[in-house]
Amino acid sequence: MKAYVAGFVLIASVFGVECTSALAHPGGLASDGCHFDRKAGARHCHVKNVAAPPRSSAPAGPYYRNCDEARRAGVAPMRRGEPGYRPALDRDNDGIACEPYR
């Protein structure tokens, strides 16, 4: 069984499949994530039946690949919570991205 699970995880990771609920029962789940549990004699669910939020096709805000791009756009420095801010642009994690050179 361990070899099966390890192989399943390896294959799932190669194809980018999330396998957390699938590992509980490697097969036999209905489309809602439920199955009949013979030991308990009742229907058993692994996944809550929650609708996914609608995906917006509009971008969440401006995206700057790096600080040079943000400076050219005239938005640097950016503070945490402002459009365009992201942690990758805030090297010292002080809440201010693309700070002026010192």
PDB file of N, CA and C in Angstrom:
ATOM      1  N   MET A   1       0.829  -1.197   0.000  1.00  0.00           N
ATOM      2  CA  MET A   1       0.000   0.000   0.000  1.00  0.00           C
ATOM      3  C   MET A   1       0.868   1.253   0.000  1.00  0.00           C
ATOM      4  N   LYS A   2       1.990   1.235   0.768  1.00  0.00           N
ATOM      5  CA  LYS A   2       2.859   2.406   0.802  1.00  0.00           C
ATOM      6  C   LYS A   2       3.441   2.695  -0.574  1.00  0.00           C
ATOM      7  N   ALA A   3       3.811   1.656  -1.292  1.00  0.00           N
ATOM      8  CA  ALA A   3       4.362   1.851  -2.637  1.00  0.00           C
ATOM      9  C   ALA A   3       3.301   2.430  -3.567  1.00  0.00           C
ATOM     10  N   TYR A   4       2.051   1.989  -3.396  1.00  0.00           N
ATOM     11  CA  TYR A   4       0.961   2.516  -4.219  1.00  0.00           C
ATOM     12  C   TYR A   4       0.771   4.002  -3.950  1.00  0.00           C
ATOM     13  N   VAL A   5       0.726   4.375  -2.678  1.00  0.00           N
ATOM     14  CA  VAL A   5       0.528   5.779  -2.312  1.00  0.00           C
ATOM     15  C   VAL A   5       1.695   6.625  -2.807  1.00  0.00           C
ATOM     16  N   ALA A   6       2.926   6.139  -2.634  1.00  0.00           N
ATOM     17  CA  ALA A   6       4.097   6.886  -3.096  1.00  0.00           C
ATOM     18  C   ALA A   6       4.047   7.067  -4.610  1.00  0.00           C
ATOM     19  N   GLY A   7       3.672   6.037  -5.338  1.00  0.00           N
ATOM     20  CA  GLY A   7       3.557   6.137  -6.786  1.00  0.00           C
ATOM     21  C   GLY A   7       2.452   7.091  -7.197  1.00  0.00           C
ATOM     22  N   PHE A   8       1.354   7.038  -6.465  1.00  0.00           N
ATOM     23  CA  PHE A   8       0.234   7.933  -6.757  1.00  0.00           C
ATOM     24  C   PHE A   8       0.636   9.380  -6.544  1.00  0.00           C
ATOM     25  N   VAL A   9       1.314   9.669  -5.434  1.00  0.00           N
ATOM     26  CA  VAL A   9       1.750  11.035  -5.137  1.00  0.00           C
ATOM     27  C   VAL A   9       2.734  11.512  -6.191  1.00  0.00           C
ATOM     28  N   LEU A  10       3.659  10.662  -6.605  1.00  0.00           N
ATOM     29  CA  LEU A  10       4.637  11.023  -7.625  1.00  0.00           C
ATOM     30  C   LEU A  10       3.943  11.352  -8.941  1.00  0.00           C
ATOM     31  N   ILE A  11       3.042  10.511  -9.372  1.00  0.00           N
ATOM     32  CA  ILE A  11       2.338  10.745 -10.630  1.00  0.00           C
ATOM     33  C   ILE A  11       1.464  11.994 -10.532  1.00  0.00           C
ATOM     34  N   ALA A  12       0.778  12.155  -9.404  1.00  0.00           N
ATOM     35  CA  ALA A  12      -0.082  13.325  -9.221  1.00  0.00           C
ATOM     36  C   ALA A  12       0.730  14.608  -9.237  1.00  0.00           C
ATOM     37  N   SER A  13       1.914  14.593  -8.618  1.00  0.00           N
ATOM     38  CA  SER A  13       2.728  15.811  -8.597  1.00  0.00           C
ATOM     39  C   SER A  13       3.274  16.137  -9.978  1.00  0.00           C
ATOM     40  N   VAL A  14       3.578  15.133 -10.777  1.00  0.00           N
ATOM     41  CA  VAL A  14       4.070  15.366 -12.139  1.00  0.00           C
ATOM     42  C   VAL A  14       3.004  16.057 -12.981  1.00  0.00           C
ATOM     43  N   PHE A  15       1.745  15.648 -12.792  1.00  0.00           N
ATOM     44  CA  PHE A  15       0.660  16.218 -13.573  1.00  0.00           C
ATOM     45  C   PHE A  15      -0.016  17.389 -12.881  1.00  0.00           C
ATOM     46  N   GLY A  16       0.483  17.798 -11.716  1.00  0.00           N
ATOM     47  CA  GLY A  16      -0.059  18.958 -11.009  1.00  0.00           C
ATOM     48  C   GLY A  16      -1.433  18.715 -10.414  1.00  0.00           C
ATOM     49  N   VAL A  17      -1.710  17.478  -9.981  1.00  0.00           N
ATOM     50  CA  VAL A  17      -3.009  17.143  -9.404  1.00  0.00           C
ATOM     51  C   VAL A  17      -2.909  17.205  -7.894  1.00  0.00           C
ATOM     52  N   GLU A  18      -3.873  17.871  -7.251  1.00  0.00           N
ATOM     53  CA  GLU A  18      -3.913  17.884  -5.796  1.00  0.00           C
ATOM     54  C   GLU A  18      -4.469  16.552  -5.340  1.00  0.00           C
ATOM     55  N   CYS A  19      -3.771  15.887  -4.435  1.00  0.00           N
ATOM     56  CA  CYS A  19      -4.168  14.532  -4.096  1.00  0.00           C
ATOM     57  C   CYS A  19      -4.513  14.363  -2.624  1.00  0.00           C
ATOM     58  N   THR A  20      -4.800  15.417  -1.886  1.00  0.00           N
ATOM     59  CA  THR A  20      -5.065  15.269  -0.458  1.00  0.00           C
ATOM     60  C   THR A  20      -6.328  14.466  -0.203  1.00  0.00           C
ATOM     61  N   SER A  21      -7.416  14.750  -0.905  1.00  0.00           N
ATOM     62  CA  SER A  21      -8.632  13.987  -0.651  1.00  0.00           C
ATOM     63  C   SER A  21      -8.572  12.615  -1.312  1.00  0.00           C
ATOM     64  N   ALA A  22      -7.828  12.495  -2.381  1.00  0.00           N
ATOM     65  CA  ALA A  22      -7.746  11.215  -3.077  1.00  0.00           C
ATOM     66  C   ALA A  22      -6.956  10.193  -2.281  1.00  0.00           C
ATOM     67  N   LEU A  23      -6.034  10.624  -1.432  1.00  0.00           N
ATOM     68  CA  LEU A  23      -5.258   9.676  -0.657  1.00  0.00           C
ATOM     69  C   LEU A  23      -6.081   9.000   0.423  1.00  0.00           C
ATOM     70  N   ALA A  24      -7.161   9.620   0.872  1.00  0.00           N
ATOM     71  CA  ALA A  24      -7.991   9.006   1.888  1.00  0.00           C
ATOM     72  C   ALA A  24      -8.611   7.721   1.343  1.00  0.00           C
ATOM     73  N   HIS A  25      -9.070   7.744   0.105  1.00  0.00           N
ATOM     74  CA  HIS A  25      -9.605   6.573  -0.580  1.00  0.00           C
ATOM     75  C   HIS A  25      -9.135   6.664  -2.023  1.00  0.00           C
ATOM     76  N   PRO A  26      -8.255   5.777  -2.446  1.00  0.00           N
ATOM     77  CA  PRO A  26      -7.675   5.903  -3.775  1.00  0.00           C
ATOM     78  C   PRO A  26      -8.662   5.739  -4.921  1.00  0.00           C
ATOM     79  N   GLY A  27      -9.904   5.404  -4.647  1.00  0.00           N
ATOM     80  CA  GLY A  27     -10.880   5.287  -5.719  1.00  0.00           C
ATOM     81  C   GLY A  27     -12.270   5.137  -5.153  1.00  0.00           C
ATOM     82  N   GLY A  28     -13.255   5.184  -6.007  1.00  0.00           N
ATOM     83  CA  GLY A  28     -14.623   4.940  -5.596  1.00  0.00           C
ATOM     84  C   GLY A  28     -15.351   6.126  -5.010  1.00  0.00           C
ATOM     85  N   LEU A  29     -14.858   7.333  -5.197  1.00  0.00           N
ATOM     86  CA  LEU A  29     -15.555   8.515  -4.707  1.00  0.00           C
ATOM     87  C   LEU A  29     -16.508   9.028  -5.778  1.00  0.00           C
ATOM     88  N   ALA A  30     -17.653   9.499  -5.355  1.00  0.00           N
ATOM     89  CA  ALA A  30     -18.597  10.129  -6.281  1.00  0.00           C
ATOM     90  C   ALA A  30     -18.075  11.518  -6.623  1.00  0.00           C
ATOM     91  N   SER A  31     -18.729  12.176  -7.557  1.00  0.00           N
ATOM     92  CA  SER A  31     -18.271  13.496  -7.986  1.00  0.00           C
ATOM     93  C   SER A  31     -18.335  14.525  -6.864  1.00  0.00           C
ATOM     94  N   ASP A  32     -19.164  14.295  -5.842  1.00  0.00           N
ATOM     95  CA  ASP A  32     -19.243  15.226  -4.715  1.00  0.00           C
ATOM     96  C   ASP A  32     -18.241  14.891  -3.613  1.00  0.00           C
ATOM     97  N   GLY A  33     -17.360  13.897  -3.831  1.00  0.00           N
ATOM     98  CA  GLY A  33     -16.348  13.531  -2.855  1.00  0.00           C
ATOM     99  C   GLY A  33     -16.844  12.560  -1.796  1.00  0.00           C
ATOM    100  N   CYS A  34     -18.009  11.947  -1.994  1.00  0.00           N
ATOM    101  CA  CYS A  34     -18.596  11.042  -1.002  1.00  0.00           C
ATOM    102  C   CYS A  34     -18.576   9.608  -1.515  1.00  0.00           C
ATOM    103  N   HIS A  35     -18.763   8.677  -0.576  1.00  0.00           N
ATOM    104  CA  HIS A  35     -18.888   7.263  -0.913  1.00  0.00           C
ATOM    105  C   HIS A  35     -19.654   6.573   0.199  1.00  0.00           C
ATOM    106  N   PHE A  36     -20.042   5.335  -0.017  1.00  0.00           N
ATOM    107  CA  PHE A  36     -20.727   4.563   1.003  1.00  0.00           C
ATOM    108  C   PHE A  36     -19.681   3.821   1.815  1.00  0.00           C
ATOM    109  N   ASP A  37     -19.634   4.102   3.111  1.00  0.00           N
ATOM    110  CA  ASP A  37     -18.685   3.450   4.017  1.00  0.00           C
ATOM    111  C   ASP A  37     -19.325   2.167   4.528  1.00  0.00           C
ATOM    112  N   ARG A  38     -18.811   1.024   4.068  1.00  0.00           N
ATOM    113  CA  ARG A  38     -19.411  -0.256   4.442  1.00  0.00           C
ATOM    114  C   ARG A  38     -19.288  -0.547   5.934  1.00  0.00           C
ATOM    115  N   LYS A  39     -18.181  -0.169   6.536  1.00  0.00           N
ATOM    116  CA  LYS A  39     -17.992  -0.430   7.971  1.00  0.00           C
ATOM    117  C   LYS A  39     -18.988   0.354   8.812  1.00  0.00           C
ATOM    118  N   ALA A  40     -19.192   1.616   8.481  1.00  0.00           N
ATOM    119  CA  ALA A  40     -20.121   2.450   9.247  1.00  0.00           C
ATOM    120  C   ALA A  40     -21.556   2.267   8.784  1.00  0.00           C
ATOM    121  N   GLY A  41     -21.737   1.759   7.577  1.00  0.00           N
ATOM    122  CA  GLY A  41     -23.074   1.559   7.040  1.00  0.00           C
ATOM    123  C   GLY A  41     -23.774   2.846   6.652  1.00  0.00           C
ATOM    124  N   ALA A  42     -22.991   3.866   6.333  1.00  0.00           N
ATOM    125  CA  ALA A  42     -23.582   5.161   5.981  1.00  0.00           C
ATOM    126  C   ALA A  42     -22.745   5.834   4.911  1.00  0.00           C
ATOM    127  N   ARG A  43     -23.324   6.852   4.319  1.00  0.00           N
ATOM    128  CA  ARG A  43     -22.606   7.654   3.323  1.00  0.00           C
ATOM    129  C   ARG A  43     -21.585   8.515   4.042  1.00  0.00           C
ATOM    130  N   HIS A  44     -20.391   8.639   3.475  1.00  0.00           N
ATOM    131  CA  HIS A  44     -19.278   9.342   4.108  1.00  0.00           C
ATOM    132  C   HIS A  44     -18.650  10.282   3.087  1.00  0.00           C
ATOM    133  N   CYS A  45     -18.417  11.542   3.487  1.00  0.00           N
ATOM    134  CA  CYS A  45     -17.867  12.533   2.565  1.00  0.00           C
ATOM    135  C   CYS A  45     -16.511  13.025   3.043  1.00  0.00           C
ATOM    136  N   HIS A  46     -15.608  13.283   2.099  1.00  0.00           N
ATOM    137  CA  HIS A  46     -14.282  13.810   2.395  1.00  0.00           C
ATOM    138  C   HIS A  46     -14.165  15.279   2.068  1.00  0.00           C
ATOM    139  N   VAL A  47     -14.977  15.755   1.172  1.00  0.00           N
ATOM    140  CA  VAL A  47     -14.877  17.126   0.704  1.00  0.00           C
ATOM    141  C   VAL A  47     -16.223  17.801   0.943  1.00  0.00           C
ATOM    142  N   LYS A  48     -16.169  19.015   1.495  1.00  0.00           N
ATOM    143  CA  LYS A  48     -17.411  19.757   1.655  1.00  0.00           C
ATOM    144  C   LYS A  48     -17.915  20.165   0.281  1.00  0.00           C
ATOM    145  N   ASN A  49     -19.199  20.143   0.096  1.00  0.00           N
ATOM    146  CA  ASN A  49     -19.798  20.498  -1.181  1.00  0.00           C
ATOM    147  C   ASN A  49     -19.942  22.020  -1.226  1.00  0.00           C
ATOM    148  N   VAL A  50     -18.850  22.712  -1.511  1.00  0.00           N
ATOM    149  CA  VAL A  50     -18.820  24.161  -1.542  1.00  0.00           C
ATOM    150  C   VAL A  50     -18.523  24.602  -2.963  1.00  0.00           C
ATOM    151  N   ALA A  51     -19.335  25.515  -3.465  1.00  0.00           N
ATOM    152  CA  ALA A  51     -19.115  26.017  -4.820  1.00  0.00           C
ATOM    153  C   ALA A  51     -17.885  26.916  -4.837  1.00  0.00           C
ATOM    154  N   ALA A  52     -17.100  26.801  -5.864  1.00  0.00           N
ATOM    155  CA  ALA A  52     -15.915  27.641  -6.010  1.00  0.00           C
ATOM    156  C   ALA A  52     -16.348  29.059  -6.350  1.00  0.00           C
ATOM    157  N   PRO A  53     -15.630  30.051  -5.827  1.00  0.00           N
ATOM    158  CA  PRO A  53     -15.987  31.427  -6.164  1.00  0.00           C
ATOM    159  C   PRO A  53     -15.764  31.675  -7.651  1.00  0.00           C
ATOM    160  N   PRO A  54     -16.582  32.540  -8.244  1.00  0.00           N
ATOM    161  CA  PRO A  54     -16.414  32.809  -9.679  1.00  0.00           C
ATOM    162  C   PRO A  54     -15.060  33.456  -9.938  1.00  0.00           C
ATOM    163  N   ARG A  55     -14.417  33.045 -11.000  1.00  0.00           N
ATOM    164  CA  ARG A  55     -13.112  33.580 -11.352  1.00  0.00           C
ATOM    165  C   ARG A  55     -13.297  34.819 -12.216  1.00  0.00           C
ATOM    166  N   SER A  56     -12.594  35.841 -11.849  1.00  0.00           N
ATOM    167  CA  SER A  56     -12.663  37.079 -12.605  1.00  0.00           C
ATOM    168  C   SER A  56     -11.592  37.056 -13.689  1.00  0.00           C
ATOM    169  N   SER A  57     -11.949  37.498 -14.867  1.00  0.00           N
ATOM    170  CA  SER A  57     -10.957  37.543 -15.936  1.00  0.00           C
ATOM    171  C   SER A  57     -10.134  38.828 -15.865  1.00  0.00           C
ATOM    172  N   ALA A  58     -10.607  39.806 -15.086  1.00  0.00           N
ATOM    173  CA  ALA A  58      -9.870  41.063 -14.943  1.00  0.00           C
ATOM    174  C   ALA A  58      -8.725  40.877 -13.941  1.00  0.00           C
ATOM    175  N   PRO A  59      -7.560  41.450 -14.215  1.00  0.00           N
ATOM    176  CA  PRO A  59      -6.448  41.322 -13.278  1.00  0.00           C
ATOM    177  C   PRO A  59      -6.768  42.025 -11.961  1.00  0.00           C
ATOM    178  N   ALA A  60      -6.170  41.532 -10.859  1.00  0.00           N
ATOM    179  CA  ALA A  60      -6.434  42.073  -9.536  1.00  0.00           C
ATOM    180  C   ALA A  60      -5.845  43.466  -9.383  1.00  0.00           C
ATOM    181  N   GLY A  61      -4.820  43.789 -10.082  1.00  0.00           N
ATOM    182  CA  GLY A  61      -4.173  45.091  -9.996  1.00  0.00           C
ATOM    183  C   GLY A  61      -2.946  45.094 -10.880  1.00  0.00           C
ATOM    184  N   PRO A  62      -2.198  46.179 -10.865  1.00  0.00           N
ATOM    185  CA  PRO A  62      -0.998  46.215 -11.708  1.00  0.00           C
ATOM    186  C   PRO A  62       0.040  45.218 -11.205  1.00  0.00           C
ATOM    187  N   TYR A  63       0.808  44.676 -12.116  1.00  0.00           N
ATOM    188  CA  TYR A  63       1.868  43.730 -11.785  1.00  0.00           C
ATOM    189  C   TYR A  63       3.166  44.266 -12.359  1.00  0.00           C
ATOM    190  N   TYR A  64       4.159  44.403 -11.505  1.00  0.00           N
ATOM    191  CA  TYR A  64       5.482  44.856 -11.939  1.00  0.00           C
ATOM    192  C   TYR A  64       6.459  43.710 -11.727  1.00  0.00           C
ATOM    193  N   ARG A  65       7.152  43.339 -12.790  1.00  0.00           N
ATOM    194  CA  ARG A  65       8.106  42.225 -12.707  1.00  0.00           C
ATOM    195  C   ARG A  65       9.235  42.517 -11.743  1.00  0.00           C
ATOM    196  N   ASN A  66       9.665  43.766 -11.698  1.00  0.00           N
ATOM    197  CA  ASN A  66      10.771  44.137 -10.809  1.00  0.00           C
ATOM    198  C   ASN A  66      10.651  45.614 -10.460  1.00  0.00           C
ATOM    199  N   CYS A  67      11.540  46.084  -9.604  1.00  0.00           N
ATOM    200  CA  CYS A  67      11.468  47.473  -9.146  1.00  0.00           C
ATOM    201  C   CYS A  67      11.805  48.464 -10.249  1.00  0.00           C
ATOM    202  N   ASP A  68      12.681  48.101 -11.169  1.00  0.00           N
ATOM    203  CA  ASP A  68      12.981  49.004 -12.288  1.00  0.00           C
ATOM    204  C   ASP A  68      11.710  49.300 -13.083  1.00  0.00           C
ATOM    205  N   GLU A  69      10.903  48.271 -13.300  1.00  0.00           N
ATOM    206  CA  GLU A  69       9.649  48.446 -14.028  1.00  0.00           C
ATOM    207  C   GLU A  69       8.683  49.329 -13.226  1.00  0.00           C
ATOM    208  N   ALA A  70       8.620  49.145 -11.924  1.00  0.00           N
ATOM    209  CA  ALA A  70       7.743  49.968 -11.073  1.00  0.00           C
ATOM    210  C   ALA A  70       8.226  51.415 -11.048  1.00  0.00           C
ATOM    211  N   ARG A  71       9.548  51.620 -11.011  1.00  0.00           N
ATOM    212  CA  ARG A  71      10.092  52.984 -11.014  1.00  0.00           C
ATOM    213  C   ARG A  71       9.786  53.685 -12.336  1.00  0.00           C
ATOM    214  N   ARG A  72       9.912  52.949 -13.454  1.00  0.00           N
ATOM    215  CA  ARG A  72       9.596  53.546 -14.760  1.00  0.00           C
ATOM    216  C   ARG A  72       8.127  53.950 -14.839  1.00  0.00           C
ATOM    217  N   ALA A  73       7.262  53.198 -14.149  1.00  0.00           N
ATOM    218  CA  ALA A  73       5.839  53.522 -14.143  1.00  0.00           C
ATOM    219  C   ALA A  73       5.519  54.656 -13.169  1.00  0.00           C
ATOM    220  N   GLY A  74       6.508  55.032 -12.360  1.00  0.00           N
ATOM    221  CA  GLY A  74       6.320  56.140 -11.429  1.00  0.00           C
ATOM    222  C   GLY A  74       5.540  55.794 -10.175  1.00  0.00           C
ATOM    223  N   VAL A  75       5.506  54.517  -9.794  1.00  0.00           N
ATOM    224  CA  VAL A  75       4.733  54.114  -8.614  1.00  0.00           C
ATOM    225  C   VAL A  75       5.601  53.711  -7.427  1.00  0.00           C
ATOM    226  N   ALA A  76       6.906  53.688  -7.606  1.00  0.00           N
ATOM    227  CA  ALA A  76       7.792  53.277  -6.509  1.00  0.00           C
ATOM    228  C   ALA A  76       8.115  54.483  -5.629  1.00  0.00           C
ATOM    229  N   PRO A  77       8.245  54.304  -4.342  1.00  0.00           N
ATOM    230  CA  PRO A  77       8.054  53.079  -3.563  1.00  0.00           C
ATOM    231  C   PRO A  77       6.569  52.786  -3.341  1.00  0.00           C
ATOM    232  N   MET A  78       6.276  51.493  -3.140  1.00  0.00           N
ATOM    233  CA  MET A  78       4.903  51.046  -2.890  1.00  0.00           C
ATOM    234  C   MET A  78       4.832  50.484  -1.485  1.00  0.00           C
ATOM    235  N   ARG A  79       3.739  50.781  -0.797  1.00  0.00           N
ATOM    236  CA  ARG A  79       3.558  50.267   0.557  1.00  0.00           C
ATOM    237  C   ARG A  79       2.610  49.075   0.546  1.00  0.00           C
ATOM    238  N   ARG A  80       2.788  48.203   1.544  1.00  0.00           N
ATOM    239  CA  ARG A  80       1.940  47.017   1.678  1.00  0.00           C
ATOM    240  C   ARG A  80       0.474  47.453   1.642  1.00  0.00           C
ATOM    241  N   GLY A  81      -0.327  46.782   0.812  1.00  0.00           N
ATOM    242  CA  GLY A  81      -1.744  47.098   0.676  1.00  0.00           C
ATOM    243  C   GLY A  81      -2.043  47.960  -0.542  1.00  0.00           C
ATOM    244  N   GLU A  82      -1.041  48.608  -1.091  1.00  0.00           N
ATOM    245  CA  GLU A  82      -1.255  49.427  -2.279  1.00  0.00           C
ATOM    246  C   GLU A  82      -1.220  48.557  -3.534  1.00  0.00           C
ATOM    247  N   PRO A  83      -1.931  48.985  -4.600  1.00  0.00           N
ATOM    248  CA  PRO A  83      -1.895  48.224  -5.848  1.00  0.00           C
ATOM    249  C   PRO A  83      -0.466  48.106  -6.370  1.00  0.00           C
ATOM    250  N   GLY A  84      -0.102  46.910  -6.787  1.00  0.00           N
ATOM    251  CA  GLY A  84       1.229  46.670  -7.335  1.00  0.00           C
ATOM    252  C   GLY A  84       2.225  46.139  -6.324  1.00  0.00           C
ATOM    253  N   TYR A  85       1.955  46.333  -5.024  1.00  0.00           N
ATOM    254  CA  TYR A  85       2.870  45.819  -4.002  1.00  0.00           C
ATOM    255  C   TYR A  85       2.793  44.307  -3.980  1.00  0.00           C
ATOM    256  N   ARG A  86       3.940  43.682  -3.828  1.00  0.00           N
ATOM    257  CA  ARG A  86       4.003  42.237  -3.577  1.00  0.00           C
ATOM    258  C   ARG A  86       5.282  41.956  -2.813  1.00  0.00           C
ATOM    259  N   PRO A  87       5.271  40.947  -1.966  1.00  0.00           N
ATOM    260  CA  PRO A  87       6.418  40.665  -1.097  1.00  0.00           C
ATOM    261  C   PRO A  87       7.736  40.458  -1.841  1.00  0.00           C
ATOM    262  N   ALA A  88       7.697  39.966  -3.056  1.00  0.00           N
ATOM    263  CA  ALA A  88       8.938  39.727  -3.799  1.00  0.00           C
ATOM    264  C   ALA A  88       9.676  41.033  -4.099  1.00  0.00           C
ATOM    265  N   LEU A  89       8.968  42.155  -4.102  1.00  0.00           N
ATOM    266  CA  LEU A  89       9.600  43.446  -4.369  1.00  0.00           C
ATOM    267  C   LEU A  89      10.068  44.122  -3.080  1.00  0.00           C
ATOM    268  N   ASP A  90       9.725  43.567  -1.938  1.00  0.00           N
ATOM    269  CA  ASP A  90      10.082  44.126  -0.635  1.00  0.00           C
ATOM    270  C   ASP A  90      11.173  43.253  -0.016  1.00  0.00           C
ATOM    271  N   ARG A  91      12.411  43.530  -0.348  1.00  0.00           N
ATOM    272  CA  ARG A  91      13.520  42.659   0.059  1.00  0.00           C
ATOM    273  C   ARG A  91      13.721  42.585   1.567  1.00  0.00           C
ATOM    274  N   ASP A  92      13.536  43.706   2.278  1.00  0.00           N
ATOM    275  CA  ASP A  92      13.779  43.686   3.727  1.00  0.00           C
ATOM    276  C   ASP A  92      12.498  43.476   4.534  1.00  0.00           C
ATOM    277  N   ASN A  93      11.385  43.213   3.868  1.00  0.00           N
ATOM    278  CA  ASN A  93      10.114  42.897   4.501  1.00  0.00           C
ATOM    279  C   ASN A  93       9.685  43.959   5.517  1.00  0.00           C
ATOM    280  N   ASP A  94       9.875  45.234   5.173  1.00  0.00           N
ATOM    281  CA  ASP A  94       9.468  46.312   6.077  1.00  0.00           C
ATOM    282  C   ASP A  94       8.152  46.943   5.647  1.00  0.00           C
ATOM    283  N   GLY A  95       7.520  46.363   4.609  1.00  0.00           N
ATOM    284  CA  GLY A  95       6.237  46.882   4.154  1.00  0.00           C
ATOM    285  C   GLY A  95       6.359  47.927   3.061  1.00  0.00           C
ATOM    286  N   ILE A  96       7.587  48.222   2.637  1.00  0.00           N
ATOM    287  CA  ILE A  96       7.803  49.198   1.569  1.00  0.00           C
ATOM    288  C   ILE A  96       8.599  48.513   0.460  1.00  0.00           C
ATOM    289  N   ALA A  97       7.979  48.413  -0.708  1.00  0.00           N
ATOM    290  CA  ALA A  97       8.635  47.763  -1.849  1.00  0.00           C
ATOM    291  C   ALA A  97       9.279  48.817  -2.732  1.00  0.00           C
ATOM    292  N   CYS A  98      10.386  48.449  -3.320  1.00  0.00           N
ATOM    293  CA  CYS A  98      11.103  49.296  -4.284  1.00  0.00           C
ATOM    294  C   CYS A  98      11.513  50.626  -3.653  1.00  0.00           C
ATOM    295  N   GLU A  99      12.121  50.525  -2.494  1.00  0.00           N
ATOM    296  CA  GLU A  99      12.609  51.729  -1.813  1.00  0.00           C
ATOM    297  C   GLU A  99      13.707  52.383  -2.616  1.00  0.00           C
ATOM    298  N   PRO A 100      13.926  53.685  -2.438  1.00  0.00           N
ATOM    299  CA  PRO A 100      14.998  54.362  -3.170  1.00  0.00           C
ATOM    300  C   PRO A 100      16.367  53.756  -2.810  1.00  0.00           C
ATOM    301  N   TYR A 101      17.279  53.871  -3.740  1.00  0.00           N
ATOM    302  CA  TYR A 101      18.646  53.382  -3.491  1.00  0.00           C
ATOM    303  C   TYR A 101      19.260  54.205  -2.369  1.00  0.00           C
ATOM    304  N   ARG A 102      20.109  53.559  -1.570  1.00  0.00           N
ATOM    305  CA  ARG A 102      20.778  54.277  -0.468  1.00  0.00           C
ATOM    306  C   ARG A 102      22.234  54.460  -0.778  1.00  0.00           C
TER     307      ARG A 102
END
